Amino acid sequence: MEAKREEMIEAIANVDDVVGDIFLNEETPTEQQLADGIKKGVLDLTLTPVFMGSAYKNKGVQPLLNGVQDYLPNPKQVVNKAHDLNNEEKELVVDCDPTKPLVGLAFKLDESQYGQLTYFR
């Protein structure tokens, strides 16, 4: 575990200057400094957090949800783009505005005993 933790800190140090300085000084970064470094790496698309767990008896579900909240950007922190199907798939920027119509991506269709389920984000 210690070896993998050092590997993780080194990966964060490559994208975050604060953790990089701490790592080069052979000190131990705080949990908040690591979390900030991970979020910076995710926003820069250079790090991908991976969680392991099981939905059985909800083991790992809460850490996953905490990770989504802590590390993934909210829609206002990134530029969301879409293709206008009515205008030769011209690329356009989608604003994060709750007063405008909903824009979603259906990524899975599932036919079950309850009918068709559509998963979207």
N, C-alpha and C. Protein backbone atom coordinates (compact mmCIF):
# COMPACT_ATOMS: atom_id res chain seq x y z
N MET A 1 0.82 -1.18 0.00
CA MET A 1 0.00 0.00 0.00
C MET A 1 0.87 1.26 0.00
N GLU A 2 1.93 1.24 0.78
CA GLU A 2 2.81 2.41 0.85
C GLU A 2 3.44 2.71 -0.51
N ALA A 3 3.83 1.66 -1.22
CA ALA A 3 4.44 1.85 -2.54
C ALA A 3 3.44 2.48 -3.52
N LYS A 4 2.20 2.01 -3.50
CA LYS A 4 1.17 2.57 -4.38
C LYS A 4 0.80 3.99 -3.98
N ARG A 5 0.82 4.27 -2.68
CA ARG A 5 0.55 5.64 -2.23
C ARG A 5 1.64 6.58 -2.73
N GLU A 6 2.89 6.16 -2.65
CA GLU A 6 3.99 6.98 -3.16
C GLU A 6 3.86 7.19 -4.67
N GLU A 7 3.43 6.15 -5.37
CA GLU A 7 3.22 6.27 -6.82
C GLU A 7 2.11 7.27 -7.12
N MET A 8 1.04 7.24 -6.32
CA MET A 8 -0.06 8.18 -6.49
C MET A 8 0.41 9.62 -6.21
N ILE A 9 1.16 9.81 -5.13
CA ILE A 9 1.65 11.14 -4.79
C ILE A 9 2.57 11.66 -5.89
N GLU A 10 3.38 10.79 -6.45
CA GLU A 10 4.27 11.19 -7.54
C GLU A 10 3.47 11.62 -8.77
N ALA A 11 2.40 10.89 -9.08
CA ALA A 11 1.56 11.25 -10.22
C ALA A 11 0.88 12.60 -9.98
N ILE A 12 0.43 12.85 -8.76
CA ILE A 12 -0.19 14.14 -8.44
C ILE A 12 0.86 15.24 -8.49
N ALA A 13 2.07 14.94 -8.03
CA ALA A 13 3.16 15.94 -8.03
C ALA A 13 3.51 16.36 -9.45
N ASN A 14 3.28 15.50 -10.42
CA ASN A 14 3.58 15.85 -11.82
C ASN A 14 2.62 16.88 -12.39
N VAL A 15 1.44 17.04 -11.78
CA VAL A 15 0.45 17.98 -12.31
C VAL A 15 0.16 19.15 -11.38
N ASP A 16 0.58 19.05 -10.12
CA ASP A 16 0.29 20.11 -9.16
C ASP A 16 1.59 20.60 -8.53
N ASP A 17 1.86 21.90 -8.63
CA ASP A 17 3.11 22.47 -8.14
C ASP A 17 3.25 22.39 -6.63
N VAL A 18 2.15 22.57 -5.89
CA VAL A 18 2.21 22.53 -4.42
C VAL A 18 2.64 21.15 -3.96
N VAL A 19 1.98 20.12 -4.47
CA VAL A 19 2.33 18.75 -4.10
C VAL A 19 3.71 18.40 -4.66
N GLY A 20 4.05 18.96 -5.81
CA GLY A 20 5.37 18.72 -6.40
C GLY A 20 6.49 19.22 -5.50
N ASP A 21 6.34 20.42 -4.95
CA ASP A 21 7.35 20.96 -4.04
C ASP A 21 7.46 20.13 -2.78
N ILE A 22 6.32 19.72 -2.23
CA ILE A 22 6.33 18.89 -1.02
C ILE A 22 7.00 17.56 -1.32
N PHE A 23 6.70 16.97 -2.47
CA PHE A 23 7.28 15.69 -2.86
C PHE A 23 8.79 15.79 -3.03
N LEU A 24 9.25 16.87 -3.67
CA LEU A 24 10.69 17.04 -3.87
C LEU A 24 11.44 17.28 -2.57
N ASN A 25 10.75 17.87 -1.58
CA ASN A 25 11.36 18.08 -0.27
C ASN A 25 11.24 16.86 0.63
N GLU A 26 10.73 15.76 0.07
CA GLU A 26 10.55 14.49 0.77
C GLU A 26 9.71 14.64 2.03
N GLU A 27 8.68 15.50 1.93
CA GLU A 27 7.72 15.66 3.01
C GLU A 27 6.42 14.97 2.61
N THR A 28 5.49 14.88 3.54
CA THR A 28 4.23 14.22 3.27
C THR A 28 3.13 15.27 3.09
N PRO A 29 2.46 15.28 1.94
CA PRO A 29 1.37 16.25 1.73
C PRO A 29 0.15 15.88 2.57
N THR A 30 -0.66 16.88 2.89
CA THR A 30 -1.89 16.63 3.64
C THR A 30 -2.94 16.04 2.70
N GLU A 31 -4.00 15.53 3.30
CA GLU A 31 -5.09 14.95 2.50
C GLU A 31 -5.74 16.04 1.63
N GLN A 32 -5.87 17.25 2.17
CA GLN A 32 -6.48 18.34 1.40
C GLN A 32 -5.60 18.73 0.21
N GLN A 33 -4.29 18.75 0.41
CA GLN A 33 -3.37 19.08 -0.69
C GLN A 33 -3.45 18.01 -1.77
N LEU A 34 -3.57 16.74 -1.38
CA LEU A 34 -3.71 15.66 -2.36
C LEU A 34 -5.03 15.80 -3.12
N ALA A 35 -6.11 16.08 -2.38
CA ALA A 35 -7.42 16.22 -3.02
C ALA A 35 -7.42 17.38 -4.01
N ASP A 36 -6.79 18.50 -3.62
CA ASP A 36 -6.72 19.65 -4.53
C ASP A 36 -5.89 19.31 -5.77
N GLY A 37 -4.80 18.56 -5.58
CA GLY A 37 -3.97 18.14 -6.71
C GLY A 37 -4.70 17.20 -7.65
N ILE A 38 -5.47 16.28 -7.08
CA ILE A 38 -6.24 15.34 -7.91
C ILE A 38 -7.28 16.12 -8.73
N LYS A 39 -7.98 17.05 -8.08
CA LYS A 39 -8.99 17.83 -8.80
C LYS A 39 -8.34 18.64 -9.93
N LYS A 40 -7.17 19.22 -9.68
CA LYS A 40 -6.47 19.97 -10.73
C LYS A 40 -6.11 19.05 -11.89
N GLY A 41 -5.62 17.85 -11.59
CA GLY A 41 -5.26 16.90 -12.64
C GLY A 41 -6.47 16.43 -13.44
N VAL A 42 -7.61 16.26 -12.76
CA VAL A 42 -8.83 15.85 -13.45
C VAL A 42 -9.32 16.97 -14.36
N LEU A 43 -9.29 18.22 -13.87
CA LEU A 43 -9.72 19.34 -14.70
C LEU A 43 -8.81 19.53 -15.91
N ASP A 44 -7.51 19.22 -15.76
CA ASP A 44 -6.55 19.33 -16.87
C ASP A 44 -6.58 18.11 -17.78
N LEU A 45 -7.39 17.11 -17.43
CA LEU A 45 -7.50 15.84 -18.17
C LEU A 45 -6.18 15.06 -18.18
N THR A 46 -5.40 15.16 -17.08
CA THR A 46 -4.15 14.42 -16.98
C THR A 46 -4.22 13.32 -15.93
N LEU A 47 -5.22 13.34 -15.07
CA LEU A 47 -5.42 12.30 -14.06
C LEU A 47 -6.82 11.75 -14.16
N THR A 48 -6.95 10.47 -13.88
CA THR A 48 -8.26 9.83 -13.83
C THR A 48 -8.38 9.07 -12.52
N PRO A 49 -9.22 9.54 -11.59
CA PRO A 49 -9.37 8.81 -10.34
C PRO A 49 -10.11 7.49 -10.57
N VAL A 50 -9.66 6.46 -9.88
CA VAL A 50 -10.27 5.13 -9.99
C VAL A 50 -10.69 4.68 -8.60
N PHE A 51 -11.91 4.24 -8.46
CA PHE A 51 -12.43 3.76 -7.19
C PHE A 51 -12.80 2.30 -7.31
N MET A 52 -12.60 1.57 -6.24
CA MET A 52 -12.98 0.16 -6.20
C MET A 52 -13.95 -0.02 -5.05
N GLY A 53 -14.91 -0.86 -5.26
CA GLY A 53 -15.89 -1.11 -4.21
C GLY A 53 -16.94 -2.06 -4.71
N SER A 54 -18.00 -2.17 -3.95
CA SER A 54 -19.08 -3.07 -4.30
C SER A 54 -20.40 -2.45 -3.86
N ALA A 55 -21.42 -2.64 -4.63
CA ALA A 55 -22.74 -2.18 -4.22
C ALA A 55 -23.36 -3.13 -3.21
N TYR A 56 -22.76 -4.32 -3.05
CA TYR A 56 -23.25 -5.29 -2.07
C TYR A 56 -23.11 -4.70 -0.68
N LYS A 57 -24.22 -4.56 0.01
CA LYS A 57 -24.27 -3.96 1.34
C LYS A 57 -23.69 -2.54 1.34
N ASN A 58 -23.75 -1.88 0.19
CA ASN A 58 -23.30 -0.48 0.02
C ASN A 58 -21.84 -0.25 0.39
N LYS A 59 -21.00 -1.26 0.24
CA LYS A 59 -19.57 -1.08 0.51
C LYS A 59 -18.95 -0.39 -0.70
N GLY A 60 -18.41 0.78 -0.49
CA GLY A 60 -17.75 1.51 -1.55
C GLY A 60 -18.63 2.51 -2.26
N VAL A 61 -19.92 2.51 -1.99
CA VAL A 61 -20.81 3.44 -2.68
C VAL A 61 -20.58 4.87 -2.18
N GLN A 62 -20.52 5.04 -0.86
CA GLN A 62 -20.34 6.39 -0.32
C GLN A 62 -18.99 6.99 -0.70
N PRO A 63 -17.86 6.23 -0.63
CA PRO A 63 -16.59 6.82 -1.10
C PRO A 63 -16.64 7.21 -2.58
N LEU A 64 -17.35 6.43 -3.40
CA LEU A 64 -17.49 6.78 -4.81
C LEU A 64 -18.24 8.10 -4.97
N LEU A 65 -19.35 8.25 -4.26
CA LEU A 65 -20.12 9.49 -4.35
C LEU A 65 -19.32 10.68 -3.81
N ASN A 66 -18.56 10.46 -2.74
CA ASN A 66 -17.69 11.52 -2.23
C ASN A 66 -16.64 11.90 -3.25
N GLY A 67 -16.09 10.90 -3.96
CA GLY A 67 -15.09 11.16 -4.99
C GLY A 67 -15.66 11.95 -6.16
N VAL A 68 -16.88 11.64 -6.55
CA VAL A 68 -17.54 12.40 -7.62
C VAL A 68 -17.68 13.85 -7.20
N GLN A 69 -18.09 14.07 -5.96
CA GLN A 69 -18.26 15.43 -5.45
C GLN A 69 -16.92 16.15 -5.31
N ASP A 70 -15.90 15.46 -4.83
CA ASP A 70 -14.62 16.10 -4.53
C ASP A 70 -13.74 16.31 -5.76
N TYR A 71 -13.75 15.39 -6.71
CA TYR A 71 -12.76 15.41 -7.78
C TYR A 71 -13.29 15.78 -9.15
N LEU A 72 -14.53 15.47 -9.45
CA LEU A 72 -15.04 15.73 -10.79
C LEU A 72 -15.56 17.16 -10.89
N PRO A 73 -15.41 17.78 -12.04
CA PRO A 73 -15.84 19.18 -12.19
C PRO A 73 -17.36 19.29 -12.25
N ASN A 74 -17.85 20.40 -11.76
CA ASN A 74 -19.27 20.65 -11.97
C ASN A 74 -19.41 21.26 -13.37
N PRO A 75 -20.60 21.25 -13.93
CA PRO A 75 -20.76 21.70 -15.32
C PRO A 75 -20.31 23.12 -15.59
N LYS A 76 -20.25 23.97 -14.58
CA LYS A 76 -19.82 25.35 -14.79
C LYS A 76 -18.30 25.48 -14.86
N GLN A 77 -17.55 24.43 -14.50
CA GLN A 77 -16.09 24.49 -14.50
C GLN A 77 -15.49 24.02 -15.83
N VAL A 78 -16.29 23.51 -16.73
CA VAL A 78 -15.79 23.03 -18.01
C VAL A 78 -16.63 23.61 -19.14
N VAL A 79 -16.09 23.57 -20.34
CA VAL A 79 -16.83 24.00 -21.52
C VAL A 79 -17.49 22.78 -22.12
N ASN A 80 -18.82 22.80 -22.18
CA ASN A 80 -19.58 21.70 -22.73
C ASN A 80 -19.93 22.01 -24.18
N LYS A 81 -19.63 21.06 -25.05
CA LYS A 81 -19.89 21.27 -26.48
C LYS A 81 -20.85 20.20 -26.98
N ALA A 82 -21.60 20.55 -28.00
CA ALA A 82 -22.54 19.63 -28.63
C ALA A 82 -22.50 19.85 -30.14
N HIS A 83 -23.17 18.97 -30.87
CA HIS A 83 -23.28 19.10 -32.32
C HIS A 83 -24.73 19.36 -32.67
N ASP A 84 -24.95 20.40 -33.42
CA ASP A 84 -26.29 20.77 -33.85
C ASP A 84 -26.68 19.89 -35.03
N LEU A 85 -27.56 18.93 -34.80
CA LEU A 85 -27.96 17.99 -35.86
C LEU A 85 -28.79 18.66 -36.94
N ASN A 86 -29.39 19.80 -36.65
CA ASN A 86 -30.19 20.51 -37.63
C ASN A 86 -29.36 21.47 -38.47
N ASN A 87 -28.07 21.60 -38.18
CA ASN A 87 -27.22 22.56 -38.88
C ASN A 87 -25.89 21.89 -39.26
N GLU A 88 -25.98 20.77 -39.98
CA GLU A 88 -24.81 20.03 -40.48
C GLU A 88 -23.81 19.70 -39.38
N GLU A 89 -24.30 19.36 -38.20
CA GLU A 89 -23.50 18.98 -37.04
C GLU A 89 -22.46 20.02 -36.66
N LYS A 90 -22.83 21.27 -36.82
CA LYS A 90 -21.96 22.37 -36.42
C LYS A 90 -21.77 22.33 -34.90
N GLU A 91 -20.51 22.52 -34.46
CA GLU A 91 -20.21 22.48 -33.03
C GLU A 91 -20.69 23.76 -32.35
N LEU A 92 -21.34 23.60 -31.20
CA LEU A 92 -21.78 24.76 -30.45
C LEU A 92 -21.55 24.53 -28.97
N VAL A 93 -21.40 25.62 -28.24
CA VAL A 93 -21.17 25.56 -26.80
C VAL A 93 -22.52 25.53 -26.09
N VAL A 94 -22.67 24.60 -25.15
CA VAL A 94 -23.90 24.45 -24.39
C VAL A 94 -23.72 25.12 -23.04
N ASP A 95 -24.55 26.10 -22.77
CA ASP A 95 -24.49 26.81 -21.49
C ASP A 95 -25.13 25.98 -20.39
N CYS A 96 -24.58 26.10 -19.21
CA CYS A 96 -25.15 25.44 -18.03
C CYS A 96 -26.14 26.42 -17.39
N ASP A 97 -27.36 26.39 -17.90
CA ASP A 97 -28.37 27.32 -17.44
C ASP A 97 -29.67 26.55 -17.21
N PRO A 98 -30.14 26.49 -15.97
CA PRO A 98 -31.35 25.71 -15.68
C PRO A 98 -32.61 26.28 -16.30
N THR A 99 -32.57 27.51 -16.79
CA THR A 99 -33.76 28.09 -17.41
C THR A 99 -33.89 27.69 -18.88
N LYS A 100 -32.83 27.13 -19.46
CA LYS A 100 -32.86 26.72 -20.86
C LYS A 100 -33.31 25.26 -20.95
N PRO A 101 -33.69 24.80 -22.15
CA PRO A 101 -34.13 23.41 -22.30
C PRO A 101 -33.02 22.42 -21.93
N LEU A 102 -33.43 21.24 -21.45
CA LEU A 102 -32.52 20.19 -21.03
C LEU A 102 -31.76 19.63 -22.23
N VAL A 103 -30.46 19.42 -22.07
CA VAL A 103 -29.64 18.76 -23.07
C VAL A 103 -29.04 17.54 -22.38
N GLY A 104 -29.23 16.37 -22.96
CA GLY A 104 -28.71 15.14 -22.36
C GLY A 104 -28.16 14.20 -23.41
N LEU A 105 -27.38 13.25 -22.94
CA LEU A 105 -26.81 12.24 -23.82
C LEU A 105 -27.32 10.88 -23.38
N ALA A 106 -28.10 10.22 -24.23
CA ALA A 106 -28.55 8.86 -23.94
C ALA A 106 -27.42 7.91 -24.34
N PHE A 107 -26.84 7.21 -23.35
CA PHE A 107 -25.69 6.37 -23.64
C PHE A 107 -25.97 4.88 -23.55
N LYS A 108 -27.18 4.51 -23.12
CA LYS A 108 -27.48 3.08 -23.05
C LYS A 108 -29.00 2.89 -23.09
N LEU A 109 -29.42 1.90 -23.87
CA LEU A 109 -30.82 1.49 -23.91
C LEU A 109 -30.88 0.06 -23.41
N ASP A 110 -31.82 -0.22 -22.52
CA ASP A 110 -31.92 -1.54 -21.92
C ASP A 110 -33.37 -1.99 -21.94
N GLU A 111 -33.61 -3.14 -22.54
CA GLU A 111 -34.94 -3.72 -22.60
C GLU A 111 -35.05 -4.73 -21.47
N SER A 112 -35.96 -4.50 -20.53
CA SER A 112 -36.11 -5.40 -19.39
C SER A 112 -37.57 -5.77 -19.22
N GLN A 113 -37.86 -6.49 -18.17
CA GLN A 113 -39.24 -6.90 -17.91
C GLN A 113 -40.14 -5.71 -17.61
N TYR A 114 -39.54 -4.57 -17.27
CA TYR A 114 -40.30 -3.37 -16.95
C TYR A 114 -40.44 -2.44 -18.15
N GLY A 115 -39.93 -2.84 -19.29
CA GLY A 115 -39.98 -2.00 -20.48
C GLY A 115 -38.60 -1.49 -20.83
N GLN A 116 -38.55 -0.51 -21.69
CA GLN A 116 -37.27 0.04 -22.13
C GLN A 116 -36.80 1.09 -21.12
N LEU A 117 -35.55 0.93 -20.67
CA LEU A 117 -34.92 1.91 -19.80
C LEU A 117 -33.85 2.64 -20.61
N THR A 118 -33.83 3.95 -20.49
CA THR A 118 -32.83 4.75 -21.16
C THR A 118 -31.96 5.44 -20.12
N TYR A 119 -30.67 5.18 -20.20
CA TYR A 119 -29.72 5.81 -19.28
C TYR A 119 -29.14 7.04 -19.98
N PHE A 120 -29.16 8.16 -19.31
CA PHE A 120 -28.62 9.36 -19.93
C PHE A 120 -27.92 10.20 -18.88
N ARG A 121 -27.11 11.11 -19.40
CA ARG A 121 -26.45 12.07 -18.54
C ARG A 121 -26.50 13.42 -19.20
